[in-house]
Full PDB file with SEQRES, HELIX, SHEET, SSBOND, CRYST1, ORIGX, SCALE, CONECT and MASTER records, all heavy atoms in Angstrom:
SEQRES   1 A   41  ASN VAL ASN ASN SER ALA TYR ASN CYS SER GLN THR THR          
SEQRES   2 A   41  ASN ASN HIS HIS PRO ALA PRO ALA ALA GLU ALA GLU PRO          
SEQRES   3 A   41  GLY TRP LYS ALA PRO ALA LYS HIS GLN GLY GLY LEU ARG          
SEQRES   4 A   41  TRP ARG                                                      
HELIX    1 AA1 ALA A    6  ASN A   15  1                                  10    
HELIX    2 AA2 ALA A   21  ALA A   24  1                                   4    
HELIX    3 AA3 ALA A   32  HIS A   34  5                                   3    
CRYST1    1.000    1.000    1.000  90.00  90.00  90.00 P 1           1          
ORIGX1      1.000000  0.000000  0.000000        0.00000                         
ORIGX2      0.000000  1.000000  0.000000        0.00000                         
ORIGX3      0.000000  0.000000  1.000000        0.00000                         
SCALE1      1.000000  0.000000  0.000000        0.00000                         
SCALE2      0.000000  1.000000  0.000000        0.00000                         
SCALE3      0.000000  0.000000  1.000000        0.00000                         
ATOM      1  N   ASN A   1     104.831  34.934-189.545  1.00  0.00           N  
ATOM      2  CA  ASN A   1     105.773  34.164-190.165  1.00  0.00           C  
ATOM      3  C   ASN A   1     105.452  32.783-190.368  1.00  0.00           C  
ATOM      4  O   ASN A   1     105.915  32.110-191.338  1.00  0.00           O  
ATOM      5  CB  ASN A   1     107.169  34.321-189.605  1.00  0.00           C  
ATOM      6  CG  ASN A   1     107.723  35.750-189.528  1.00  0.00           C  
ATOM      7  OD1 ASN A   1     108.112  36.337-190.512  1.00  0.00           O  
ATOM      8  ND2 ASN A   1     107.347  36.426-188.453  1.00  0.00           N  
ATOM      9  N   VAL A   2     104.745  32.216-189.330  1.00  0.00           N  
ATOM     10  CA  VAL A   2     104.347  30.849-189.504  1.00  0.00           C  
ATOM     11  C   VAL A   2     103.131  30.586-190.605  1.00  0.00           C  
ATOM     12  O   VAL A   2     103.203  29.757-191.370  1.00  0.00           O  
ATOM     13  CB  VAL A   2     103.958  30.281-188.131  1.00  0.00           C  
ATOM     14  CG1 VAL A   2     103.413  28.774-188.228  1.00  0.00           C  
ATOM     15  CG2 VAL A   2     105.117  30.376-187.174  1.00  0.00           C  
ATOM     16  N   ASN A   3     102.288  31.613-190.437  1.00  0.00           N  
ATOM     17  CA  ASN A   3     101.076  31.506-191.311  1.00  0.00           C  
ATOM     18  C   ASN A   3     101.185  32.092-192.706  1.00  0.00           C  
ATOM     19  O   ASN A   3     100.409  31.894-193.536  1.00  0.00           O  
ATOM     20  CB  ASN A   3      99.860  31.996-190.598  1.00  0.00           C  
ATOM     21  CG  ASN A   3      99.573  31.155-189.304  1.00  0.00           C  
ATOM     22  OD1 ASN A   3      99.849  30.020-189.289  1.00  0.00           O  
ATOM     23  ND2 ASN A   3      99.137  32.007-188.256  1.00  0.00           N  
ATOM     24  N   ASN A   4     102.155  33.126-192.709  1.00  0.00           N  
ATOM     25  CA  ASN A   4     102.272  33.938-193.980  1.00  0.00           C  
ATOM     26  C   ASN A   4     101.057  34.576-194.371  1.00  0.00           C  
ATOM     27  O   ASN A   4     100.441  34.556-195.467  1.00  0.00           O  
ATOM     28  CB  ASN A   4     102.910  33.103-195.118  1.00  0.00           C  
ATOM     29  CG  ASN A   4     104.299  32.789-194.900  1.00  0.00           C  
ATOM     30  OD1 ASN A   4     104.991  33.557-194.514  1.00  0.00           O  
ATOM     31  ND2 ASN A   4     104.723  31.577-195.321  1.00  0.00           N  
ATOM     32  N   SER A   5     100.336  35.114-193.312  1.00  0.00           N  
ATOM     33  CA  SER A   5      98.908  35.642-193.573  1.00  0.00           C  
ATOM     34  C   SER A   5      98.956  37.213-193.604  1.00  0.00           C  
ATOM     35  O   SER A   5      99.357  37.800-192.720  1.00  0.00           O  
ATOM     36  CB  SER A   5      98.003  35.184-192.377  1.00  0.00           C  
ATOM     37  OG  SER A   5      96.846  35.988-192.532  1.00  0.00           O  
ATOM     38  N   ALA A   6      98.473  37.770-194.650  1.00  0.00           N  
ATOM     39  CA  ALA A   6      98.520  39.320-194.734  1.00  0.00           C  
ATOM     40  C   ALA A   6      97.533  39.973-193.803  1.00  0.00           C  
ATOM     41  O   ALA A   6      97.818  40.980-193.269  1.00  0.00           O  
ATOM     42  CB  ALA A   6      98.274  39.648-196.172  1.00  0.00           C  
ATOM     43  N   TYR A   7      96.466  39.210-193.499  1.00  0.00           N  
ATOM     44  CA  TYR A   7      95.518  39.568-192.501  1.00  0.00           C  
ATOM     45  C   TYR A   7      96.209  39.783-191.078  1.00  0.00           C  
ATOM     46  O   TYR A   7      96.057  40.855-190.369  1.00  0.00           O  
ATOM     47  CB  TYR A   7      94.311  38.742-192.373  1.00  0.00           C  
ATOM     48  CG  TYR A   7      93.368  39.114-191.269  1.00  0.00           C  
ATOM     49  CD1 TYR A   7      92.447  40.050-191.396  1.00  0.00           C  
ATOM     50  CD2 TYR A   7      93.300  38.200-190.173  1.00  0.00           C  
ATOM     51  CE1 TYR A   7      91.519  40.398-190.437  1.00  0.00           C  
ATOM     52  CE2 TYR A   7      92.526  38.573-189.066  1.00  0.00           C  
ATOM     53  CZ  TYR A   7      91.686  39.630-189.255  1.00  0.00           C  
ATOM     54  OH  TYR A   7      90.869  40.027-188.191  1.00  0.00           O  
ATOM     55  N   ASN A   8      96.867  38.785-190.664  1.00  0.00           N  
ATOM     56  CA  ASN A   8      97.540  38.713-189.465  1.00  0.00           C  
ATOM     57  C   ASN A   8      98.478  39.686-189.331  1.00  0.00           C  
ATOM     58  O   ASN A   8      98.857  40.386-188.339  1.00  0.00           O  
ATOM     59  CB  ASN A   8      98.095  37.312-189.027  1.00  0.00           C  
ATOM     60  CG  ASN A   8      97.055  36.310-188.749  1.00  0.00           C  
ATOM     61  OD1 ASN A   8      95.975  36.712-188.413  1.00  0.00           O  
ATOM     62  ND2 ASN A   8      97.487  35.152-188.880  1.00  0.00           N  
ATOM     63  N   CYS A   9      99.231  39.923-190.461  1.00  0.00           N  
ATOM     64  CA  CYS A   9     100.206  41.075-190.526  1.00  0.00           C  
ATOM     65  C   CYS A   9      99.746  42.436-190.324  1.00  0.00           C  
ATOM     66  O   CYS A   9     100.220  43.260-189.636  1.00  0.00           O  
ATOM     67  CB  CYS A   9     100.921  40.996-191.808  1.00  0.00           C  
ATOM     68  SG  CYS A   9     102.586  41.786-191.629  1.00  0.00           S  
ATOM     69  N   SER A  10      98.446  42.654-190.787  1.00  0.00           N  
ATOM     70  CA  SER A  10      97.786  43.948-190.618  1.00  0.00           C  
ATOM     71  C   SER A  10      97.431  44.125-189.118  1.00  0.00           C  
ATOM     72  O   SER A  10      97.437  45.220-188.630  1.00  0.00           O  
ATOM     73  CB  SER A  10      96.595  44.045-191.500  1.00  0.00           C  
ATOM     74  OG  SER A  10      95.539  43.123-191.092  1.00  0.00           O  
ATOM     75  N   GLN A  11      97.093  42.926-188.536  1.00  0.00           N  
ATOM     76  CA  GLN A  11      96.729  43.068-187.052  1.00  0.00           C  
ATOM     77  C   GLN A  11      97.976  43.288-186.265  1.00  0.00           C  
ATOM     78  O   GLN A  11      97.874  44.019-185.240  1.00  0.00           O  
ATOM     79  CB  GLN A  11      96.210  41.677-186.577  1.00  0.00           C  
ATOM     80  CG  GLN A  11      94.883  41.272-187.172  1.00  0.00           C  
ATOM     81  CD  GLN A  11      93.788  42.252-186.829  1.00  0.00           C  
ATOM     82  OE1 GLN A  11      93.809  42.719-185.465  1.00  0.00           O  
ATOM     83  NE2 GLN A  11      92.979  42.767-187.601  1.00  0.00           N  
ATOM     84  N   THR A  12      99.059  42.958-186.731  1.00  0.00           N  
ATOM     85  CA  THR A  12     100.412  43.276-186.029  1.00  0.00           C  
ATOM     86  C   THR A  12     100.735  44.730-185.901  1.00  0.00           C  
ATOM     87  O   THR A  12     101.023  45.302-185.016  1.00  0.00           O  
ATOM     88  CB  THR A  12     101.577  42.579-186.760  1.00  0.00           C  
ATOM     89  OG1 THR A  12     101.392  41.134-186.802  1.00  0.00           O  
ATOM     90  CG2 THR A  12     102.956  42.891-186.059  1.00  0.00           C  
ATOM     91  N   THR A  13     100.337  45.388-187.156  1.00  0.00           N  
ATOM     92  CA  THR A  13     100.603  46.904-187.178  1.00  0.00           C  
ATOM     93  C   THR A  13      99.680  47.570-186.193  1.00  0.00           C  
ATOM     94  O   THR A  13     100.071  48.453-185.560  1.00  0.00           O  
ATOM     95  CB  THR A  13     100.276  47.394-188.678  1.00  0.00           C  
ATOM     96  OG1 THR A  13     101.063  46.704-189.548  1.00  0.00           O  
ATOM     97  CG2 THR A  13     100.579  48.870-188.694  1.00  0.00           C  
ATOM     98  N   ASN A  14      98.346  47.015-186.145  1.00  0.00           N  
ATOM     99  CA  ASN A  14      97.356  47.770-185.156  1.00  0.00           C  
ATOM    100  C   ASN A  14      97.838  47.479-183.770  1.00  0.00           C  
ATOM    101  O   ASN A  14      97.729  48.313-182.957  1.00  0.00           O  
ATOM    102  CB  ASN A  14      96.018  47.100-185.435  1.00  0.00           C  
ATOM    103  CG  ASN A  14      95.509  47.544-186.796  1.00  0.00           C  
ATOM    104  OD1 ASN A  14      95.907  48.422-187.452  1.00  0.00           O  
ATOM    105  ND2 ASN A  14      94.655  46.640-187.222  1.00  0.00           N  
ATOM    106  N   ASN A  15      98.527  46.310-183.436  1.00  0.00           N  
ATOM    107  CA  ASN A  15      98.662  45.991-182.004  1.00  0.00           C  
ATOM    108  C   ASN A  15      99.921  46.916-181.617  1.00  0.00           C  
ATOM    109  O   ASN A  15     100.198  46.813-180.375  1.00  0.00           O  
ATOM    110  CB  ASN A  15      99.091  44.505-181.832  1.00  0.00           C  
ATOM    111  CG  ASN A  15      97.933  43.627-181.833  1.00  0.00           C  
ATOM    112  OD1 ASN A  15      96.952  44.105-181.454  1.00  0.00           O  
ATOM    113  ND2 ASN A  15      98.197  42.340-182.160  1.00  0.00           N  
ATOM    114  N   HIS A  16     100.642  47.513-182.459  1.00  0.00           N  
ATOM    115  CA  HIS A  16     101.753  48.308-181.954  1.00  0.00           C  
ATOM    116  C   HIS A  16     101.203  49.572-181.334  1.00  0.00           C  
ATOM    117  O   HIS A  16     102.031  50.327-180.688  1.00  0.00           O  
ATOM    118  CB  HIS A  16     102.630  48.730-183.126  1.00  0.00           C  
ATOM    119  CG  HIS A  16     103.564  47.627-183.441  1.00  0.00           C  
ATOM    120  ND1 HIS A  16     104.593  47.155-182.621  1.00  0.00           N  
ATOM    121  CD2 HIS A  16     103.651  46.752-184.586  1.00  0.00           C  
ATOM    122  CE1 HIS A  16     105.219  46.195-183.191  1.00  0.00           C  
ATOM    123  NE2 HIS A  16     104.638  45.851-184.394  1.00  0.00           N  
ATOM    124  N   HIS A  17      99.968  49.975-181.518  1.00  0.00           N  
ATOM    125  CA  HIS A  17      99.381  51.233-180.971  1.00  0.00           C  
ATOM    126  C   HIS A  17      98.831  50.827-179.542  1.00  0.00           C  
ATOM    127  O   HIS A  17      98.201  49.851-179.357  1.00  0.00           O  
ATOM    128  CB  HIS A  17      98.197  51.649-181.764  1.00  0.00           C  
ATOM    129  CG  HIS A  17      98.680  52.143-183.205  1.00  0.00           C  
ATOM    130  ND1 HIS A  17      99.467  53.237-183.428  1.00  0.00           N  
ATOM    131  CD2 HIS A  17      98.631  51.583-184.395  1.00  0.00           C  
ATOM    132  CE1 HIS A  17      99.671  53.388-184.690  1.00  0.00           C  
ATOM    133  NE2 HIS A  17      99.168  52.336-185.341  1.00  0.00           N  
ATOM    134  N   PRO A  18      99.219  51.603-178.527  1.00  0.00           N  
ATOM    135  CA  PRO A  18      98.892  51.475-177.210  1.00  0.00           C  
ATOM    136  C   PRO A  18      97.248  51.405-177.178  1.00  0.00           C  
ATOM    137  O   PRO A  18      96.682  52.240-177.664  1.00  0.00           O  
ATOM    138  CB  PRO A  18      99.277  52.579-176.421  1.00  0.00           C  
ATOM    139  CG  PRO A  18     100.534  53.134-177.256  1.00  0.00           C  
ATOM    140  CD  PRO A  18     100.037  52.881-178.615  1.00  0.00           C  
ATOM    141  N   ALA A  19      96.803  50.402-176.514  1.00  0.00           N  
ATOM    142  CA  ALA A  19      95.359  50.315-176.241  1.00  0.00           C  
ATOM    143  C   ALA A  19      94.844  51.213-175.200  1.00  0.00           C  
ATOM    144  O   ALA A  19      95.558  51.610-174.234  1.00  0.00           O  
ATOM    145  CB  ALA A  19      95.060  48.952-175.815  1.00  0.00           C  
ATOM    146  N   PRO A  20      93.764  51.813-175.377  1.00  0.00           N  
ATOM    147  CA  PRO A  20      93.205  52.684-174.323  1.00  0.00           C  
ATOM    148  C   PRO A  20      93.019  51.910-173.100  1.00  0.00           C  
ATOM    149  O   PRO A  20      92.785  50.698-173.012  1.00  0.00           O  
ATOM    150  CB  PRO A  20      91.854  53.038-174.903  1.00  0.00           C  
ATOM    151  CG  PRO A  20      91.954  52.868-176.368  1.00  0.00           C  
ATOM    152  CD  PRO A  20      92.845  51.688-176.593  1.00  0.00           C  
ATOM    153  N   ALA A  21      93.262  52.622-171.870  1.00  0.00           N  
ATOM    154  CA  ALA A  21      93.205  51.999-170.517  1.00  0.00           C  
ATOM    155  C   ALA A  21      91.973  51.217-170.393  1.00  0.00           C  
ATOM    156  O   ALA A  21      91.919  50.081-169.904  1.00  0.00           O  
ATOM    157  CB  ALA A  21      93.418  53.112-169.553  1.00  0.00           C  
ATOM    158  N   ALA A  22      90.692  51.855-170.726  1.00  0.00           N  
ATOM    159  CA  ALA A  22      89.500  51.171-170.454  1.00  0.00           C  
ATOM    160  C   ALA A  22      89.363  49.854-171.230  1.00  0.00           C  
ATOM    161  O   ALA A  22      88.663  49.047-170.736  1.00  0.00           O  
ATOM    162  CB  ALA A  22      88.390  52.117-170.726  1.00  0.00           C  
ATOM    163  N   GLU A  23      89.905  49.854-172.388  1.00  0.00           N  
ATOM    164  CA  GLU A  23      89.767  48.641-173.344  1.00  0.00           C  
ATOM    165  C   GLU A  23      90.718  47.684-172.956  1.00  0.00           C  
ATOM    166  O   GLU A  23      90.550  46.472-172.973  1.00  0.00           O  
ATOM    167  CB  GLU A  23      89.920  49.092-174.762  1.00  0.00           C  
ATOM    168  CG  GLU A  23      88.861  49.941-175.211  1.00  0.00           C  
ATOM    169  CD  GLU A  23      88.986  50.403-176.666  1.00  0.00           C  
ATOM    170  OE1 GLU A  23      90.126  50.056-177.202  1.00  0.00           O  
ATOM    171  OE2 GLU A  23      88.307  51.150-177.282  1.00  0.00           O  
ATOM    172  N   ALA A  24      92.016  48.070-172.423  1.00  0.00           N  
ATOM    173  CA  ALA A  24      93.117  47.090-172.147  1.00  0.00           C  
ATOM    174  C   ALA A  24      92.695  46.226-170.945  1.00  0.00           C  
ATOM    175  O   ALA A  24      93.157  45.163-170.819  1.00  0.00           O  
ATOM    176  CB  ALA A  24      94.426  47.819-171.934  1.00  0.00           C  
ATOM    177  N   GLU A  25      92.031  46.816-170.036  1.00  0.00           N  
ATOM    178  CA  GLU A  25      91.539  46.091-168.792  1.00  0.00           C  
ATOM    179  C   GLU A  25      90.112  46.061-168.583  1.00  0.00           C  
ATOM    180  O   GLU A  25      89.570  47.021-168.029  1.00  0.00           O  
ATOM    181  CB  GLU A  25      92.348  46.637-167.492  1.00  0.00           C  
ATOM    182  CG  GLU A  25      93.818  46.557-167.618  1.00  0.00           C  
ATOM    183  CD  GLU A  25      94.296  45.164-167.510  1.00  0.00           C  
ATOM    184  OE1 GLU A  25      93.521  44.334-167.030  1.00  0.00           O  
ATOM    185  OE2 GLU A  25      95.345  44.824-167.897  1.00  0.00           O  
ATOM    186  N   PRO A  26      89.463  45.115-169.085  1.00  0.00           N  
ATOM    187  CA  PRO A  26      88.074  45.113-169.098  1.00  0.00           C  
ATOM    188  C   PRO A  26      87.516  44.989-167.569  1.00  0.00           C  
ATOM    189  O   PRO A  26      86.383  45.296-167.289  1.00  0.00           O  
ATOM    190  CB  PRO A  26      87.599  43.851-169.709  1.00  0.00           C  
ATOM    191  CG  PRO A  26      88.742  43.536-170.721  1.00  0.00           C  
ATOM    192  CD  PRO A  26      89.885  43.995-169.953  1.00  0.00           C  
ATOM    193  N   GLY A  27      88.389  44.587-166.647  1.00  0.00           N  
ATOM    194  CA  GLY A  27      88.094  44.443-165.259  1.00  0.00           C  
ATOM    195  C   GLY A  27      87.631  45.783-164.644  1.00  0.00           C  
ATOM    196  O   GLY A  27      86.949  45.846-163.581  1.00  0.00           O  
ATOM    197  N   TRP A  28      88.117  46.923-165.226  1.00  0.00           N  
ATOM    198  CA  TRP A  28      87.763  48.296-164.689  1.00  0.00           C  
ATOM    199  C   TRP A  28      86.309  48.512-164.858  1.00  0.00           C  
ATOM    200  O   TRP A  28      85.729  48.253-165.943  1.00  0.00           O  
ATOM    201  CB  TRP A  28      88.627  49.250-165.352  1.00  0.00           C  
ATOM    202  CG  TRP A  28      89.834  49.508-164.889  1.00  0.00           C  
ATOM    203  CD1 TRP A  28      91.069  49.102-165.396  1.00  0.00           C  
ATOM    204  CD2 TRP A  28      90.416  50.124-163.528  1.00  0.00           C  
ATOM    205  NE1 TRP A  28      92.262  49.413-164.675  1.00  0.00           N  
ATOM    206  CE2 TRP A  28      91.633  50.039-163.536  1.00  0.00           C  
ATOM    207  CE3 TRP A  28      89.552  50.578-162.669  1.00  0.00           C  
ATOM    208  CZ2 TRP A  28      92.425  50.464-162.513  1.00  0.00           C  
ATOM    209  CZ3 TRP A  28      90.388  51.133-161.507  1.00  0.00           C  
ATOM    210  CH2 TRP A  28      91.707  51.057-161.479  1.00  0.00           C  
ATOM    211  N   LYS A  29      85.809  49.002-163.794  1.00  0.00           N  
ATOM    212  CA  LYS A  29      84.338  49.585-163.892  1.00  0.00           C  
ATOM    213  C   LYS A  29      84.373  51.063-163.827  1.00  0.00           C  
ATOM    214  O   LYS A  29      84.151  51.715-162.847  1.00  0.00           O  
ATOM    215  CB  LYS A  29      83.523  49.073-162.789  1.00  0.00           C  
ATOM    216  CG  LYS A  29      83.163  47.507-162.825  1.00  0.00           C  
ATOM    217  CD  LYS A  29      82.095  47.116-161.907  1.00  0.00           C  
ATOM    218  CE  LYS A  29      81.726  45.608-162.070  1.00  0.00           C  
ATOM    219  NZ  LYS A  29      80.903  45.119-161.116  1.00  0.00           N  
ATOM    220  N   ALA A  30      84.968  51.545-164.908  1.00  0.00           N  
ATOM    221  CA  ALA A  30      85.295  53.082-164.966  1.00  0.00           C  
ATOM    222  C   ALA A  30      83.898  53.888-165.338  1.00  0.00           C  
ATOM    223  O   ALA A  30      83.020  53.257-165.998  1.00  0.00           O  
ATOM    224  CB  ALA A  30      86.354  53.446-166.055  1.00  0.00           C  
ATOM    225  N   PRO A  31      83.803  55.072-164.940  1.00  0.00           N  
ATOM    226  CA  PRO A  31      82.671  55.914-165.341  1.00  0.00           C  
ATOM    227  C   PRO A  31      82.687  56.002-166.835  1.00  0.00           C  
ATOM    228  O   PRO A  31      83.693  55.898-167.423  1.00  0.00           O  
ATOM    229  CB  PRO A  31      82.947  57.250-164.562  1.00  0.00           C  
ATOM    230  CG  PRO A  31      83.720  56.929-163.414  1.00  0.00           C  
ATOM    231  CD  PRO A  31      84.604  55.762-163.840  1.00  0.00           C  
ATOM    232  N   ALA A  32      81.480  56.365-167.416  1.00  0.00           N  
ATOM    233  CA  ALA A  32      81.371  56.511-168.832  1.00  0.00           C  
ATOM    234  C   ALA A  32      82.313  57.529-169.365  1.00  0.00           C  
ATOM    235  O   ALA A  32      82.843  57.323-170.472  1.00  0.00           O  
ATOM    236  CB  ALA A  32      79.975  56.824-169.266  1.00  0.00           C  
ATOM    237  N   LYS A  33      82.568  58.510-168.735  1.00  0.00           N  
ATOM    238  CA  LYS A  33      83.542  59.563-169.254  1.00  0.00           C  
ATOM    239  C   LYS A  33      84.857  59.068-169.370  1.00  0.00           C  
ATOM    240  O   LYS A  33      85.752  59.624-170.087  1.00  0.00           O  
ATOM    241  CB  LYS A  33      83.570  60.812-168.456  1.00  0.00           C  
ATOM    242  CG  LYS A  33      84.054  60.705-167.043  1.00  0.00           C  
ATOM    243  CD  LYS A  33      83.890  61.884-166.175  1.00  0.00           C  
ATOM    244  CE  LYS A  33      84.558  61.679-164.825  1.00  0.00           C  
ATOM    245  NZ  LYS A  33      84.411  62.910-163.954  1.00  0.00           N  
ATOM    246  N   HIS A  34      85.324  57.858-168.694  1.00  0.00           N  
ATOM    247  CA  HIS A  34      86.616  57.348-168.793  1.00  0.00           C  
ATOM    248  C   HIS A  34      86.809  56.286-169.952  1.00  0.00           C  
ATOM    249  O   HIS A  34      87.776  55.676-169.995  1.00  0.00           O  
ATOM    250  CB  HIS A  34      87.079  56.759-167.513  1.00  0.00           C  
ATOM    251  CG  HIS A  34      87.214  57.803-166.366  1.00  0.00           C  
ATOM    252  ND1 HIS A  34      88.191  58.725-166.463  1.00  0.00           N  
ATOM    253  CD2 HIS A  34      86.553  58.019-165.278  1.00  0.00           C  
ATOM    254  CE1 HIS A  34      88.211  59.501-165.336  1.00  0.00           C  
ATOM    255  NE2 HIS A  34      87.034  59.068-164.613  1.00  0.00           N  
ATOM    256  N   GLN A  35      85.687  55.992-170.563  1.00  0.00           N  
ATOM    257  CA  GLN A  35      85.769  54.890-171.461  1.00  0.00           C  
ATOM    258  C   GLN A  35      85.813  55.477-172.957  1.00  0.00           C  
ATOM    259  O   GLN A  35      85.482  56.622-173.234  1.00  0.00           O  
ATOM    260  CB  GLN A  35      84.489  54.002-171.415  1.00  0.00           C  
ATOM    261  CG  GLN A  35      84.351  53.389-170.065  1.00  0.00           C  
ATOM    262  CD  GLN A  35      83.151  52.638-169.962  1.00  0.00           C  
ATOM    263  OE1 GLN A  35      82.107  52.753-170.754  1.00  0.00           O  
ATOM    264  NE2 GLN A  35      83.041  51.846-168.834  1.00  0.00           N  
ATOM    265  N   GLY A  36      86.193  54.573-173.817  1.00  0.00           N  
ATOM    266  CA  GLY A  36      86.115  54.978-175.282  1.00  0.00           C  
ATOM    267  C   GLY A  36      87.317  55.763-175.719  1.00  0.00           C  
ATOM    268  O   GLY A  36      87.256  56.706-176.320  1.00  0.00           O  
ATOM    269  N   GLY A  37      88.546  55.456-175.343  1.00  0.00           N  
ATOM    270  CA  GLY A  37      89.676  56.109-175.840  1.00  0.00           C  
ATOM    271  C   GLY A  37      90.468  56.792-174.909  1.00  0.00           C  
ATOM    272  O   GLY A  37      91.504  57.512-175.293  1.00  0.00           O  
ATOM    273  N   LEU A  38      90.304  56.855-173.554  1.00  0.00           N  
ATOM    274  CA  LEU A  38      91.143  57.528-172.565  1.00  0.00           C  
ATOM    275  C   LEU A  38      92.436  56.908-172.547  1.00  0.00           C  
ATOM    276  O   LEU A  38      92.452  55.509-172.203  1.00  0.00           O  
ATOM    277  CB  LEU A  38      90.392  57.743-171.406  1.00  0.00           C  
ATOM    278  CG  LEU A  38      91.268  58.330-170.225  1.00  0.00           C  
ATOM    279  CD1 LEU A  38      91.488  59.809-170.659  1.00  0.00           C  
ATOM    280  CD2 LEU A  38      90.524  58.311-168.875  1.00  0.00           C  
ATOM    281  N   ARG A  39      93.542  57.586-172.578  1.00  0.00           N  
ATOM    282  CA  ARG A  39      94.812  57.009-172.292  1.00  0.00           C  
ATOM    283  C   ARG A  39      95.478  57.760-171.118  1.00  0.00           C  
ATOM    284  O   ARG A  39      95.363  58.880-170.978  1.00  0.00           O  
ATOM    285  CB  ARG A  39      95.653  57.150-173.531  1.00  0.00           C  
ATOM    286  CG  ARG A  39      95.239  56.492-174.717  1.00  0.00           C  
ATOM    287  CD  ARG A  39      96.117  56.634-175.930  1.00  0.00           C  
ATOM    288  NE  ARG A  39      95.596  56.007-177.207  1.00  0.00           N  
ATOM    289  CZ  ARG A  39      96.126  56.094-178.224  1.00  0.00           C  
ATOM    290  NH1 ARG A  39      97.281  56.700-178.485  1.00  0.00           N  
ATOM    291  NH2 ARG A  39      95.576  55.437-179.351  1.00  0.00           N  
ATOM    292  N   TRP A  40      96.143  56.857-170.311  1.00  0.00           N  
ATOM    293  CA  TRP A  40      96.911  57.470-169.181  1.00  0.00           C  
ATOM    294  C   TRP A  40      97.979  58.202-169.697  1.00  0.00           C  
ATOM    295  O   TRP A  40      98.958  57.518-170.184  1.00  0.00           O  
ATOM    296  CB  TRP A  40      97.152  56.417-168.145  1.00  0.00           C  
ATOM    297  CG  TRP A  40      95.962  55.781-167.429  1.00  0.00           C  
ATOM    298  CD1 TRP A  40      95.580  54.560-167.488  1.00  0.00           C  
ATOM    299  CD2 TRP A  40      95.157  56.461-166.517  1.00  0.00           C  
ATOM    300  NE1 TRP A  40      94.528  54.359-166.918  1.00  0.00           N  
ATOM    301  CE2 TRP A  40      94.267  55.546-166.235  1.00  0.00           C  
ATOM    302  CE3 TRP A  40      95.081  57.700-165.919  1.00  0.00           C  
ATOM    303  CZ2 TRP A  40      93.175  55.827-165.205  1.00  0.00           C  
ATOM    304  CZ3 TRP A  40      94.098  57.982-164.992  1.00  0.00           C  
ATOM    305  CH2 TRP A  40      93.230  56.979-164.620  1.00  0.00           C  
ATOM    306  N   ARG A  41      98.252  59.399-169.453  1.00  0.00           N  
ATOM    307  CA  ARG A  41      99.344  60.156-169.944  1.00  0.00           C  
ATOM    308  C   ARG A  41      99.996  60.890-168.595  1.00  0.00           C  
ATOM    309  O   ARG A  41      99.175  61.349-167.757  1.00  0.00           O  
ATOM    310  CB  ARG A  41      98.978  61.247-170.985  1.00  0.00           C  
ATOM    311  CG  ARG A  41      98.651  60.523-172.240  1.00  0.00           C  
ATOM    312  CD  ARG A  41      98.280  61.646-173.199  1.00  0.00           C  
ATOM    313  NE  ARG A  41      97.845  61.147-174.520  1.00  0.00           N  
ATOM    314  CZ  ARG A  41      98.646  60.697-175.459  1.00  0.00           C  
ATOM    315  NH1 ARG A  41      99.915  60.636-175.344  1.00  0.00           N  
ATOM    316  NH2 ARG A  41      98.009  60.186-176.603  1.00  0.00           N  
TER     317      ARG A  41                                                      
MASTER        0    0    0    3    0    0    0    6  316    1    0    4          
END                                                                             
């Protein structure tokens, strides 16, 4: 609303989707099989 940027608005839509656990917390040193889209359910 401050910038009136369509680009930022598209980022808003993307941010509503939960991030995968491995991406949301880079501090994790998870095995490879837990990376790239695993979500805790």
